[in-house]
Amino acid sequence: MLDGNFRNGVDRLVRPVGHLLVRLGVSANFLTCVGLVMSVAACLLIGNNRLQLGLVFLILTAVPDLLDGAVAVAAGTTSKRGAFFDSTADRITDGLLLCGIAWHLADTKGGTIMLLPMAVLAVTALISYERAKAELLGYEAKGGLMERAERMVVLGFGLCFDVLLVPVLWIMLVLTSLTAIQRFFKVWRQASNDISSPNNQS
């Protein structure tokens, strides 16, 4: 949702920064690697119950992720390989952040509540799979209530205020599940239209 509504505006804002970083010799792949390192640090800090510091590194994870595309465009190095690396890094980051939260909950609350961030991670993976599979089949599967940008923002609130972390995770689980359903039916309608198209009838 945020990605669709604000992406063009964000791209305009970061484009000059991308040109500056290219002049400084910074590559898109380097920024993606920096983001991965920051996400490892965030995972370890969150897992060790230092949530506010983990939030700082969550932000430091998001900044390179925001800029790597602008750098690739400015340098003229956009490629399928870079897009694959960036997408893979995003999935790793998602896993690290939510595993760090599961670690924190297991340490501070015990019981089965640690399964909650794992459930969020599972549905998040489903959302990503739906988009990847849809695009492979030639369909459009972007959009929904809780895309990656929204997840990072909402997760940040949970890390900022420890008392909100579990409620925030429940909200994320519900909204990511709704997003998965939205994407499923979006692709289902496109595929159904192809089946009913006169060109596909014998």
N, C-alpha and C. Protein backbone atom coordinates (compact mmCIF):
# COMPACT_ATOMS: atom_id res chain seq x y z
N MET A 1 0.82 -1.20 0.00
CA MET A 1 0.00 0.00 0.00
C MET A 1 0.87 1.26 0.00
N LEU A 2 1.77 1.37 0.98
CA LEU A 2 2.70 2.50 0.98
C LEU A 2 3.59 2.46 -0.24
N ASP A 3 4.01 1.26 -0.63
CA ASP A 3 4.89 1.12 -1.78
C ASP A 3 4.22 1.66 -3.03
N GLY A 4 2.95 1.34 -3.21
CA GLY A 4 2.26 1.80 -4.40
C GLY A 4 1.96 3.28 -4.37
N ASN A 5 1.59 3.83 -3.23
CA ASN A 5 1.16 5.23 -3.14
C ASN A 5 2.32 6.21 -3.08
N PHE A 6 3.42 5.82 -2.46
CA PHE A 6 4.49 6.77 -2.19
C PHE A 6 5.81 6.45 -2.89
N ARG A 7 5.85 5.34 -3.62
CA ARG A 7 7.12 4.92 -4.21
C ARG A 7 7.70 5.97 -5.15
N ASN A 8 6.86 6.54 -6.01
CA ASN A 8 7.37 7.53 -6.96
C ASN A 8 7.95 8.75 -6.26
N GLY A 9 7.24 9.21 -5.21
CA GLY A 9 7.74 10.35 -4.45
C GLY A 9 9.05 10.05 -3.77
N VAL A 10 9.15 8.86 -3.16
CA VAL A 10 10.39 8.45 -2.50
C VAL A 10 11.52 8.35 -3.50
N ASP A 11 11.24 7.79 -4.69
CA ASP A 11 12.27 7.67 -5.72
C ASP A 11 12.81 9.03 -6.12
N ARG A 12 11.93 10.02 -6.21
CA ARG A 12 12.39 11.37 -6.57
C ARG A 12 13.29 11.94 -5.48
N LEU A 13 12.98 11.65 -4.23
CA LEU A 13 13.78 12.16 -3.11
C LEU A 13 15.16 11.52 -3.05
N VAL A 14 15.23 10.21 -3.29
CA VAL A 14 16.51 9.52 -3.13
C VAL A 14 17.36 9.53 -4.39
N ARG A 15 16.79 9.96 -5.51
CA ARG A 15 17.56 9.95 -6.77
C ARG A 15 18.85 10.79 -6.67
N PRO A 16 18.80 12.02 -6.12
CA PRO A 16 20.06 12.78 -5.99
C PRO A 16 21.07 12.10 -5.07
N VAL A 17 20.57 11.46 -4.02
CA VAL A 17 21.47 10.73 -3.11
C VAL A 17 22.13 9.58 -3.85
N GLY A 18 21.37 8.92 -4.71
CA GLY A 18 21.93 7.83 -5.50
C GLY A 18 23.07 8.31 -6.39
N HIS A 19 22.89 9.45 -7.05
CA HIS A 19 23.95 10.00 -7.90
C HIS A 19 25.18 10.37 -7.07
N LEU A 20 24.95 10.93 -5.88
CA LEU A 20 26.08 11.28 -5.00
C LEU A 20 26.86 10.05 -4.58
N LEU A 21 26.16 8.99 -4.21
CA LEU A 21 26.83 7.76 -3.77
C LEU A 21 27.62 7.12 -4.91
N VAL A 22 27.08 7.21 -6.12
CA VAL A 22 27.81 6.67 -7.28
C VAL A 22 29.12 7.43 -7.47
N ARG A 23 29.06 8.76 -7.33
CA ARG A 23 30.28 9.57 -7.46
C ARG A 23 31.30 9.22 -6.37
N LEU A 24 30.80 8.77 -5.23
CA LEU A 24 31.69 8.38 -4.13
C LEU A 24 32.19 6.94 -4.28
N GLY A 25 31.74 6.26 -5.33
CA GLY A 25 32.20 4.90 -5.58
C GLY A 25 31.43 3.81 -4.86
N VAL A 26 30.25 4.14 -4.35
CA VAL A 26 29.43 3.16 -3.63
C VAL A 26 28.55 2.41 -4.63
N SER A 27 28.52 1.09 -4.54
CA SER A 27 27.71 0.28 -5.45
C SER A 27 26.42 -0.16 -4.78
N ALA A 28 25.45 -0.54 -5.60
CA ALA A 28 24.17 -1.01 -5.08
C ALA A 28 24.35 -2.30 -4.28
N ASN A 29 25.19 -3.21 -4.78
CA ASN A 29 25.40 -4.47 -4.07
C ASN A 29 26.07 -4.25 -2.72
N PHE A 30 26.96 -3.26 -2.64
CA PHE A 30 27.59 -2.93 -1.36
C PHE A 30 26.54 -2.47 -0.35
N LEU A 31 25.60 -1.62 -0.79
CA LEU A 31 24.55 -1.15 0.10
C LEU A 31 23.67 -2.30 0.56
N THR A 32 23.37 -3.23 -0.35
CA THR A 32 22.57 -4.39 0.04
C THR A 32 23.29 -5.20 1.11
N CYS A 33 24.60 -5.36 0.96
CA CYS A 33 25.38 -6.09 1.96
C CYS A 33 25.40 -5.36 3.30
N VAL A 34 25.50 -4.02 3.26
CA VAL A 34 25.47 -3.24 4.50
C VAL A 34 24.14 -3.45 5.20
N GLY A 35 23.04 -3.45 4.44
CA GLY A 35 21.73 -3.69 5.03
C GLY A 35 21.65 -5.04 5.70
N LEU A 36 22.25 -6.06 5.08
CA LEU A 36 22.26 -7.39 5.68
C LEU A 36 23.03 -7.41 7.00
N VAL A 37 24.17 -6.75 7.03
CA VAL A 37 24.96 -6.69 8.26
C VAL A 37 24.16 -5.99 9.36
N MET A 38 23.49 -4.89 9.00
CA MET A 38 22.69 -4.17 9.98
C MET A 38 21.55 -5.03 10.52
N SER A 39 20.98 -5.87 9.65
CA SER A 39 19.88 -6.73 10.09
C SER A 39 20.37 -7.82 11.05
N VAL A 40 21.58 -8.31 10.84
CA VAL A 40 22.16 -9.27 11.78
C VAL A 40 22.34 -8.61 13.15
N ALA A 41 22.85 -7.37 13.13
CA ALA A 41 23.03 -6.64 14.39
C ALA A 41 21.69 -6.41 15.07
N ALA A 42 20.67 -6.05 14.29
CA ALA A 42 19.33 -5.82 14.86
C ALA A 42 18.80 -7.09 15.50
N CYS A 43 18.98 -8.23 14.82
CA CYS A 43 18.52 -9.52 15.35
C CYS A 43 19.17 -9.81 16.69
N LEU A 44 20.49 -9.63 16.78
CA LEU A 44 21.22 -9.94 18.01
C LEU A 44 20.82 -9.00 19.15
N LEU A 45 20.63 -7.72 18.83
CA LEU A 45 20.24 -6.77 19.86
C LEU A 45 18.83 -7.04 20.37
N ILE A 46 17.91 -7.29 19.45
CA ILE A 46 16.53 -7.58 19.86
C ILE A 46 16.49 -8.87 20.68
N GLY A 47 17.22 -9.89 20.20
CA GLY A 47 17.25 -11.15 20.93
C GLY A 47 17.81 -11.03 22.32
N ASN A 48 18.68 -10.04 22.52
CA ASN A 48 19.27 -9.80 23.84
C ASN A 48 18.51 -8.71 24.61
N ASN A 49 17.25 -8.49 24.21
CA ASN A 49 16.31 -7.62 24.93
C ASN A 49 16.66 -6.13 24.89
N ARG A 50 17.43 -5.72 23.92
CA ARG A 50 17.77 -4.31 23.76
C ARG A 50 16.94 -3.77 22.58
N LEU A 51 15.64 -3.64 22.83
CA LEU A 51 14.71 -3.38 21.74
C LEU A 51 14.91 -2.01 21.10
N GLN A 52 15.13 -0.97 21.91
CA GLN A 52 15.27 0.36 21.33
C GLN A 52 16.53 0.46 20.46
N LEU A 53 17.61 -0.16 20.92
CA LEU A 53 18.82 -0.18 20.10
C LEU A 53 18.60 -1.04 18.86
N GLY A 54 17.81 -2.11 19.01
CA GLY A 54 17.44 -2.91 17.85
C GLY A 54 16.65 -2.09 16.84
N LEU A 55 15.81 -1.18 17.33
CA LEU A 55 15.05 -0.30 16.45
C LEU A 55 15.99 0.60 15.65
N VAL A 56 17.03 1.10 16.31
CA VAL A 56 18.01 1.93 15.60
C VAL A 56 18.62 1.16 14.44
N PHE A 57 18.95 -0.10 14.68
CA PHE A 57 19.55 -0.90 13.61
C PHE A 57 18.51 -1.34 12.58
N LEU A 58 17.25 -1.43 12.98
CA LEU A 58 16.19 -1.66 11.99
C LEU A 58 16.15 -0.49 11.01
N ILE A 59 16.26 0.72 11.52
CA ILE A 59 16.30 1.90 10.66
C ILE A 59 17.54 1.88 9.78
N LEU A 60 18.68 1.50 10.39
CA LEU A 60 19.92 1.42 9.61
C LEU A 60 19.86 0.32 8.56
N THR A 61 19.01 -0.68 8.77
CA THR A 61 18.78 -1.71 7.76
C THR A 61 17.95 -1.17 6.61
N ALA A 62 16.97 -0.33 6.96
CA ALA A 62 16.04 0.18 5.95
C ALA A 62 16.69 1.20 5.02
N VAL A 63 17.63 1.99 5.54
CA VAL A 63 18.23 3.05 4.73
C VAL A 63 18.98 2.50 3.51
N PRO A 64 19.90 1.53 3.67
CA PRO A 64 20.55 0.98 2.47
C PRO A 64 19.56 0.32 1.52
N ASP A 65 18.53 -0.32 2.08
CA ASP A 65 17.51 -0.95 1.24
C ASP A 65 16.77 0.09 0.42
N LEU A 66 16.61 1.29 0.97
CA LEU A 66 15.95 2.37 0.27
C LEU A 66 16.83 2.95 -0.84
N LEU A 67 18.15 2.93 -0.62
CA LEU A 67 19.06 3.61 -1.53
C LEU A 67 19.67 2.72 -2.61
N ASP A 68 19.67 1.40 -2.41
CA ASP A 68 20.40 0.56 -3.36
C ASP A 68 19.82 0.63 -4.77
N GLY A 69 18.48 0.73 -4.85
CA GLY A 69 17.87 0.85 -6.16
C GLY A 69 18.23 2.15 -6.85
N ALA A 70 18.26 3.25 -6.09
CA ALA A 70 18.61 4.55 -6.64
C ALA A 70 20.05 4.56 -7.14
N VAL A 71 20.94 3.89 -6.41
CA VAL A 71 22.34 3.80 -6.82
C VAL A 71 22.46 2.99 -8.11
N ALA A 72 21.74 1.88 -8.18
CA ALA A 72 21.79 1.04 -9.38
C ALA A 72 21.30 1.82 -10.60
N VAL A 73 20.24 2.60 -10.45
CA VAL A 73 19.72 3.39 -11.57
C VAL A 73 20.72 4.47 -11.96
N ALA A 74 21.27 5.16 -10.96
CA ALA A 74 22.22 6.24 -11.24
C ALA A 74 23.48 5.72 -11.93
N ALA A 75 23.91 4.53 -11.55
CA ALA A 75 25.13 3.95 -12.13
C ALA A 75 24.86 3.20 -13.43
N GLY A 76 23.59 3.00 -13.75
CA GLY A 76 23.24 2.24 -14.94
C GLY A 76 23.56 0.77 -14.80
N THR A 77 23.48 0.26 -13.58
CA THR A 77 23.85 -1.14 -13.33
C THR A 77 22.65 -2.00 -12.92
N THR A 78 21.44 -1.51 -13.18
CA THR A 78 20.26 -2.33 -12.86
C THR A 78 20.31 -3.62 -13.67
N SER A 79 20.01 -4.71 -13.02
CA SER A 79 20.08 -6.01 -13.69
C SER A 79 19.19 -7.00 -12.96
N LYS A 80 18.91 -8.11 -13.61
CA LYS A 80 18.14 -9.17 -12.98
C LYS A 80 18.93 -9.77 -11.82
N ARG A 81 20.23 -9.83 -11.96
CA ARG A 81 21.07 -10.37 -10.88
C ARG A 81 20.96 -9.49 -9.64
N GLY A 82 21.02 -8.17 -9.83
CA GLY A 82 20.91 -7.25 -8.70
C GLY A 82 19.54 -7.32 -8.06
N ALA A 83 18.51 -7.41 -8.90
CA ALA A 83 17.15 -7.51 -8.36
C ALA A 83 16.97 -8.79 -7.55
N PHE A 84 17.57 -9.87 -8.04
CA PHE A 84 17.50 -11.15 -7.31
C PHE A 84 18.21 -11.05 -5.97
N PHE A 85 19.40 -10.45 -5.97
CA PHE A 85 20.16 -10.28 -4.74
C PHE A 85 19.39 -9.44 -3.74
N ASP A 86 18.82 -8.34 -4.21
CA ASP A 86 18.08 -7.44 -3.32
C ASP A 86 16.86 -8.13 -2.72
N SER A 87 16.13 -8.87 -3.55
CA SER A 87 14.94 -9.57 -3.07
C SER A 87 15.32 -10.65 -2.06
N THR A 88 16.39 -11.38 -2.33
CA THR A 88 16.86 -12.41 -1.40
C THR A 88 17.28 -11.79 -0.08
N ALA A 89 17.98 -10.66 -0.16
CA ALA A 89 18.42 -9.96 1.06
C ALA A 89 17.21 -9.51 1.89
N ASP A 90 16.16 -9.06 1.21
CA ASP A 90 14.95 -8.65 1.92
C ASP A 90 14.35 -9.80 2.71
N ARG A 91 14.31 -10.99 2.09
CA ARG A 91 13.75 -12.15 2.78
C ARG A 91 14.61 -12.56 3.98
N ILE A 92 15.94 -12.48 3.81
CA ILE A 92 16.83 -12.80 4.92
C ILE A 92 16.62 -11.81 6.07
N THR A 93 16.51 -10.53 5.72
CA THR A 93 16.29 -9.50 6.74
C THR A 93 14.99 -9.74 7.49
N ASP A 94 13.92 -10.05 6.76
CA ASP A 94 12.64 -10.35 7.41
C ASP A 94 12.80 -11.49 8.42
N GLY A 95 13.49 -12.54 7.99
CA GLY A 95 13.67 -13.70 8.86
C GLY A 95 14.49 -13.36 10.09
N LEU A 96 15.56 -12.61 9.91
CA LEU A 96 16.42 -12.25 11.04
C LEU A 96 15.66 -11.41 12.07
N LEU A 97 14.92 -10.41 11.60
CA LEU A 97 14.20 -9.53 12.52
C LEU A 97 13.16 -10.30 13.33
N LEU A 98 12.39 -11.13 12.67
CA LEU A 98 11.34 -11.86 13.36
C LEU A 98 11.90 -12.98 14.24
N CYS A 99 13.01 -13.57 13.82
CA CYS A 99 13.66 -14.56 14.68
C CYS A 99 14.24 -13.88 15.93
N GLY A 100 14.77 -12.67 15.77
CA GLY A 100 15.25 -11.93 16.92
C GLY A 100 14.13 -11.64 17.91
N ILE A 101 12.96 -11.31 17.38
CA ILE A 101 11.81 -11.05 18.25
C ILE A 101 11.34 -12.33 18.93
N ALA A 102 11.35 -13.44 18.20
CA ALA A 102 10.99 -14.73 18.81
C ALA A 102 11.95 -15.07 19.94
N TRP A 103 13.22 -14.82 19.73
CA TRP A 103 14.24 -15.05 20.75
C TRP A 103 13.95 -14.18 21.98
N HIS A 104 13.64 -12.91 21.75
CA HIS A 104 13.32 -11.99 22.85
C HIS A 104 12.10 -12.47 23.64
N LEU A 105 11.05 -12.88 22.93
CA LEU A 105 9.83 -13.32 23.61
C LEU A 105 10.06 -14.62 24.39
N ALA A 106 10.84 -15.51 23.81
CA ALA A 106 11.14 -16.76 24.52
C ALA A 106 11.90 -16.49 25.81
N ASP A 107 12.77 -15.48 25.78
CA ASP A 107 13.58 -15.17 26.95
C ASP A 107 12.80 -14.41 28.02
N THR A 108 11.89 -13.53 27.58
CA THR A 108 11.21 -12.66 28.54
C THR A 108 9.82 -13.14 28.95
N LYS A 109 9.15 -13.88 28.08
CA LYS A 109 7.77 -14.29 28.38
C LYS A 109 7.61 -15.80 28.45
N GLY A 110 8.42 -16.53 27.73
CA GLY A 110 8.32 -17.99 27.76
C GLY A 110 7.04 -18.48 27.11
N GLY A 111 6.71 -19.72 27.34
CA GLY A 111 5.50 -20.29 26.77
C GLY A 111 5.56 -20.39 25.26
N THR A 112 4.40 -20.29 24.63
CA THR A 112 4.32 -20.47 23.18
C THR A 112 4.21 -19.14 22.43
N ILE A 113 4.32 -18.00 23.14
CA ILE A 113 4.16 -16.72 22.48
C ILE A 113 5.24 -16.48 21.43
N MET A 114 6.38 -17.17 21.56
CA MET A 114 7.44 -17.03 20.57
C MET A 114 7.00 -17.52 19.19
N LEU A 115 5.93 -18.33 19.15
CA LEU A 115 5.43 -18.81 17.86
C LEU A 115 4.73 -17.70 17.07
N LEU A 116 4.34 -16.63 17.75
CA LEU A 116 3.62 -15.55 17.07
C LEU A 116 4.47 -14.89 15.99
N PRO A 117 5.71 -14.44 16.28
CA PRO A 117 6.51 -13.88 15.18
C PRO A 117 6.85 -14.90 14.11
N MET A 118 6.91 -16.18 14.47
CA MET A 118 7.16 -17.20 13.46
C MET A 118 5.96 -17.34 12.52
N ALA A 119 4.75 -17.16 13.07
CA ALA A 119 3.55 -17.19 12.24
C ALA A 119 3.55 -15.99 11.29
N VAL A 120 3.95 -14.82 11.80
CA VAL A 120 4.06 -13.63 10.94
C VAL A 120 5.06 -13.90 9.81
N LEU A 121 6.19 -14.50 10.16
CA LEU A 121 7.21 -14.80 9.15
C LEU A 121 6.68 -15.76 8.09
N ALA A 122 5.91 -16.76 8.51
CA ALA A 122 5.36 -17.73 7.57
C ALA A 122 4.41 -17.06 6.57
N VAL A 123 3.53 -16.19 7.07
CA VAL A 123 2.59 -15.52 6.17
C VAL A 123 3.32 -14.50 5.30
N THR A 124 4.34 -13.86 5.85
CA THR A 124 5.17 -12.94 5.05
C THR A 124 5.82 -13.67 3.89
N ALA A 125 6.33 -14.87 4.14
CA ALA A 125 6.94 -15.67 3.08
C ALA A 125 5.89 -16.04 2.03
N LEU A 126 4.66 -16.31 2.47
CA LEU A 126 3.59 -16.63 1.53
C LEU A 126 3.29 -15.45 0.61
N ILE A 127 3.25 -14.25 1.19
CA ILE A 127 3.00 -13.05 0.39
C ILE A 127 4.07 -12.89 -0.69
N SER A 128 5.33 -13.06 -0.30
CA SER A 128 6.43 -12.94 -1.25
C SER A 128 6.35 -14.01 -2.33
N TYR A 129 6.00 -15.23 -1.91
CA TYR A 129 5.87 -16.32 -2.88
C TYR A 129 4.76 -16.04 -3.88
N GLU A 130 3.63 -15.54 -3.40
CA GLU A 130 2.51 -15.25 -4.29
C GLU A 130 2.93 -14.27 -5.37
N ARG A 131 3.63 -13.22 -4.97
CA ARG A 131 4.05 -12.23 -5.96
C ARG A 131 5.03 -12.83 -6.96
N ALA A 132 6.03 -13.57 -6.45
CA ALA A 132 7.04 -14.15 -7.33
C ALA A 132 6.41 -15.14 -8.31
N LYS A 133 5.53 -16.00 -7.82
CA LYS A 133 4.90 -17.00 -8.68
C LYS A 133 3.97 -16.33 -9.69
N ALA A 134 3.22 -15.32 -9.24
CA ALA A 134 2.31 -14.61 -10.14
C ALA A 134 3.09 -13.95 -11.27
N GLU A 135 4.19 -13.28 -10.94
CA GLU A 135 4.97 -12.60 -11.97
C GLU A 135 5.60 -13.61 -12.93
N LEU A 136 5.97 -14.77 -12.42
CA LEU A 136 6.50 -15.83 -13.29
C LEU A 136 5.45 -16.28 -14.30
N LEU A 137 4.19 -16.28 -13.86
CA LEU A 137 3.08 -16.69 -14.73
C LEU A 137 2.54 -15.54 -15.59
N GLY A 138 3.09 -14.36 -15.41
CA GLY A 138 2.67 -13.22 -16.21
C GLY A 138 1.53 -12.42 -15.61
N TYR A 139 1.31 -12.54 -14.31
CA TYR A 139 0.23 -11.81 -13.64
C TYR A 139 0.79 -10.76 -12.68
N GLU A 140 -0.07 -9.87 -12.25
CA GLU A 140 0.27 -8.80 -11.33
C GLU A 140 -0.23 -9.15 -9.93
N ALA A 141 0.66 -9.09 -8.94
CA ALA A 141 0.26 -9.47 -7.58
C ALA A 141 0.74 -8.48 -6.53
N LYS A 142 1.08 -7.26 -6.94
CA LYS A 142 1.49 -6.27 -5.95
C LYS A 142 0.28 -5.75 -5.18
N GLY A 143 0.55 -5.05 -4.10
CA GLY A 143 -0.51 -4.41 -3.34
C GLY A 143 -0.93 -5.21 -2.12
N GLY A 144 -1.89 -4.64 -1.40
CA GLY A 144 -2.40 -5.27 -0.19
C GLY A 144 -2.22 -4.35 1.01
N LEU A 145 -2.86 -4.73 2.10
CA LEU A 145 -2.86 -3.91 3.31
C LEU A 145 -1.51 -3.84 4.00
N MET A 146 -0.75 -4.93 3.94
CA MET A 146 0.49 -5.01 4.74
C MET A 146 1.63 -5.52 3.88
N GLU A 147 2.17 -4.61 3.05
CA GLU A 147 3.36 -4.94 2.29
C GLU A 147 4.59 -4.72 3.16
N ARG A 148 5.77 -4.86 2.57
CA ARG A 148 6.99 -4.84 3.38
C ARG A 148 7.20 -3.49 4.06
N ALA A 149 6.94 -2.41 3.38
CA ALA A 149 7.14 -1.09 3.99
C ALA A 149 6.27 -0.93 5.23
N GLU A 150 5.00 -1.34 5.12
CA GLU A 150 4.11 -1.25 6.28
C GLU A 150 4.59 -2.14 7.42
N ARG A 151 5.08 -3.33 7.09
CA ARG A 151 5.55 -4.24 8.14
C ARG A 151 6.71 -3.63 8.92
N MET A 152 7.63 -2.99 8.21
CA MET A 152 8.79 -2.40 8.88
C MET A 152 8.36 -1.24 9.79
N VAL A 153 7.42 -0.42 9.30
CA VAL A 153 6.96 0.71 10.11
C VAL A 153 6.24 0.23 11.36
N VAL A 154 5.32 -0.72 11.19
CA VAL A 154 4.56 -1.23 12.33
C VAL A 154 5.48 -1.94 13.32
N LEU A 155 6.42 -2.71 12.79
CA LEU A 155 7.37 -3.41 13.66
C LEU A 155 8.19 -2.42 14.47
N GLY A 156 8.52 -1.29 13.86
CA GLY A 156 9.27 -0.26 14.56
C GLY A 156 8.53 0.26 15.77
N PHE A 157 7.20 0.42 15.66
CA PHE A 157 6.41 0.84 16.81
C PHE A 157 6.48 -0.19 17.93
N GLY A 158 6.42 -1.46 17.56
CA GLY A 158 6.50 -2.51 18.58
C GLY A 158 7.82 -2.52 19.30
N LEU A 159 8.90 -2.24 18.57
CA LEU A 159 10.22 -2.22 19.20
C LEU A 159 10.42 -0.97 20.05
N CYS A 160 9.78 0.11 19.66
CA CYS A 160 9.92 1.37 20.41
C CYS A 160 9.22 1.29 21.76
N PHE A 161 8.10 0.60 21.80
CA PHE A 161 7.31 0.48 23.04
C PHE A 161 7.09 -1.00 23.33
N ASP A 162 7.87 -1.53 24.26
CA ASP A 162 7.88 -2.97 24.54
C ASP A 162 6.48 -3.51 24.84
N VAL A 163 5.66 -2.71 25.53
CA VAL A 163 4.33 -3.16 25.90
C VAL A 163 3.44 -3.37 24.68
N LEU A 164 3.81 -2.74 23.57
CA LEU A 164 3.01 -2.85 22.35
C LEU A 164 3.47 -3.98 21.43
N LEU A 165 4.61 -4.61 21.76
CA LEU A 165 5.20 -5.55 20.81
C LEU A 165 4.27 -6.71 20.47
N VAL A 166 3.72 -7.37 21.47
CA VAL A 166 2.83 -8.51 21.19
C VAL A 166 1.56 -8.07 20.47
N PRO A 167 0.86 -7.01 20.91
CA PRO A 167 -0.31 -6.54 20.14
C PRO A 167 0.04 -6.18 18.70
N VAL A 168 1.21 -5.56 18.51
CA VAL A 168 1.64 -5.21 17.16
C VAL A 168 1.84 -6.46 16.31
N LEU A 169 2.40 -7.49 16.90
CA LEU A 169 2.60 -8.74 16.16
C LEU A 169 1.26 -9.38 15.77
N TRP A 170 0.27 -9.32 16.66
CA TRP A 170 -1.06 -9.82 16.31
C TRP A 170 -1.66 -9.02 15.17
N ILE A 171 -1.50 -7.71 15.21
CA ILE A 171 -2.00 -6.86 14.11
C ILE A 171 -1.31 -7.22 12.81
N MET A 172 0.01 -7.41 12.88
CA MET A 172 0.76 -7.79 11.68
C MET A 172 0.28 -9.12 11.13
N LEU A 173 0.02 -10.09 12.03
CA LEU A 173 -0.43 -11.41 11.58
C LEU A 173 -1.77 -11.31 10.86
N VAL A 174 -2.69 -10.55 11.44
CA VAL A 174 -4.01 -10.41 10.82
C VAL A 174 -3.90 -9.71 9.47
N LEU A 175 -3.17 -8.60 9.43
CA LEU A 175 -3.10 -7.81 8.19
C LEU A 175 -2.26 -8.49 7.11
N THR A 176 -1.21 -9.21 7.50
CA THR A 176 -0.46 -9.94 6.49
C THR A 176 -1.28 -11.10 5.94
N SER A 177 -2.09 -11.72 6.79
CA SER A 177 -2.98 -12.79 6.32
C SER A 177 -4.01 -12.24 5.33
N LEU A 178 -4.56 -11.07 5.65
CA LEU A 178 -5.51 -10.44 4.73
C LEU A 178 -4.83 -10.07 3.41
N THR A 179 -3.58 -9.63 3.49
CA THR A 179 -2.83 -9.30 2.28
C THR A 179 -2.61 -10.55 1.43
N ALA A 180 -2.28 -11.66 2.08
CA ALA A 180 -2.10 -12.91 1.35
C ALA A 180 -3.40 -13.31 0.64
N ILE A 181 -4.53 -13.13 1.32
CA ILE A 181 -5.83 -13.45 0.71
C ILE A 181 -6.12 -12.50 -0.45
N GLN A 182 -5.84 -11.19 -0.24
CA GLN A 182 -6.05 -10.22 -1.31
C GLN A 182 -5.25 -10.59 -2.55
N ARG A 183 -4.00 -10.92 -2.37
CA ARG A 183 -3.15 -11.25 -3.52
C ARG A 183 -3.61 -12.53 -4.20
N PHE A 184 -4.04 -13.50 -3.40
CA PHE A 184 -4.52 -14.75 -3.99
C PHE A 184 -5.69 -14.48 -4.93
N PHE A 185 -6.68 -13.73 -4.45
CA PHE A 185 -7.86 -13.49 -5.28
C PHE A 185 -7.58 -12.53 -6.43
N LYS A 186 -6.59 -11.64 -6.26
CA LYS A 186 -6.20 -10.77 -7.37
C LYS A 186 -5.65 -11.58 -8.53
N VAL A 187 -4.78 -12.53 -8.22
CA VAL A 187 -4.21 -13.38 -9.26
C VAL A 187 -5.26 -14.36 -9.78
N TRP A 188 -6.10 -14.87 -8.88
CA TRP A 188 -7.16 -15.80 -9.27
C TRP A 188 -8.08 -15.16 -10.32
N ARG A 189 -8.45 -13.89 -10.11
CA ARG A 189 -9.31 -13.19 -11.08
C ARG A 189 -8.61 -13.03 -12.42
N GLN A 190 -7.33 -12.69 -12.39
CA GLN A 190 -6.60 -12.54 -13.65
C GLN A 190 -6.52 -13.87 -14.40
N ALA A 191 -6.25 -14.94 -13.67
CA ALA A 191 -6.17 -16.25 -14.30
C ALA A 191 -7.53 -16.70 -14.81
N SER A 192 -8.59 -16.38 -14.07
CA SER A 192 -9.94 -16.74 -14.50
C SER A 192 -10.32 -15.99 -15.77
N ASN A 193 -9.91 -14.74 -15.87
CA ASN A 193 -10.18 -13.96 -17.08
C ASN A 193 -9.48 -14.56 -18.29
N ASP A 194 -8.27 -15.07 -18.09
CA ASP A 194 -7.56 -15.73 -19.18
C ASP A 194 -8.29 -16.98 -19.64
N ILE A 195 -8.81 -17.74 -18.68
CA ILE A 195 -9.53 -18.97 -19.03
C ILE A 195 -10.80 -18.64 -19.82
N SER A 196 -11.50 -17.59 -19.40
CA SER A 196 -12.77 -17.25 -20.06
C SER A 196 -12.59 -16.42 -21.32
N SER A 197 -11.36 -16.00 -21.63
CA SER A 197 -11.11 -15.20 -22.82
C SER A 197 -11.42 -16.02 -24.07
N PRO A 198 -12.04 -15.40 -25.09
CA PRO A 198 -12.37 -16.12 -26.33
C PRO A 198 -11.15 -16.74 -26.99
N ASN A 199 -9.98 -16.10 -26.83
CA ASN A 199 -8.78 -16.62 -27.46
C ASN A 199 -8.34 -17.94 -26.86
N ASN A 200 -8.85 -18.26 -25.64
CA ASN A 200 -8.47 -19.49 -24.98
C ASN A 200 -9.54 -20.58 -25.06
N GLN A 201 -10.61 -20.27 -25.79
CA GLN A 201 -11.68 -21.25 -25.94
C GLN A 201 -11.52 -22.03 -27.24
N SER A 202 -11.74 -23.32 -27.20
CA SER A 202 -11.58 -24.15 -28.38
C SER A 202 -12.80 -24.08 -29.26
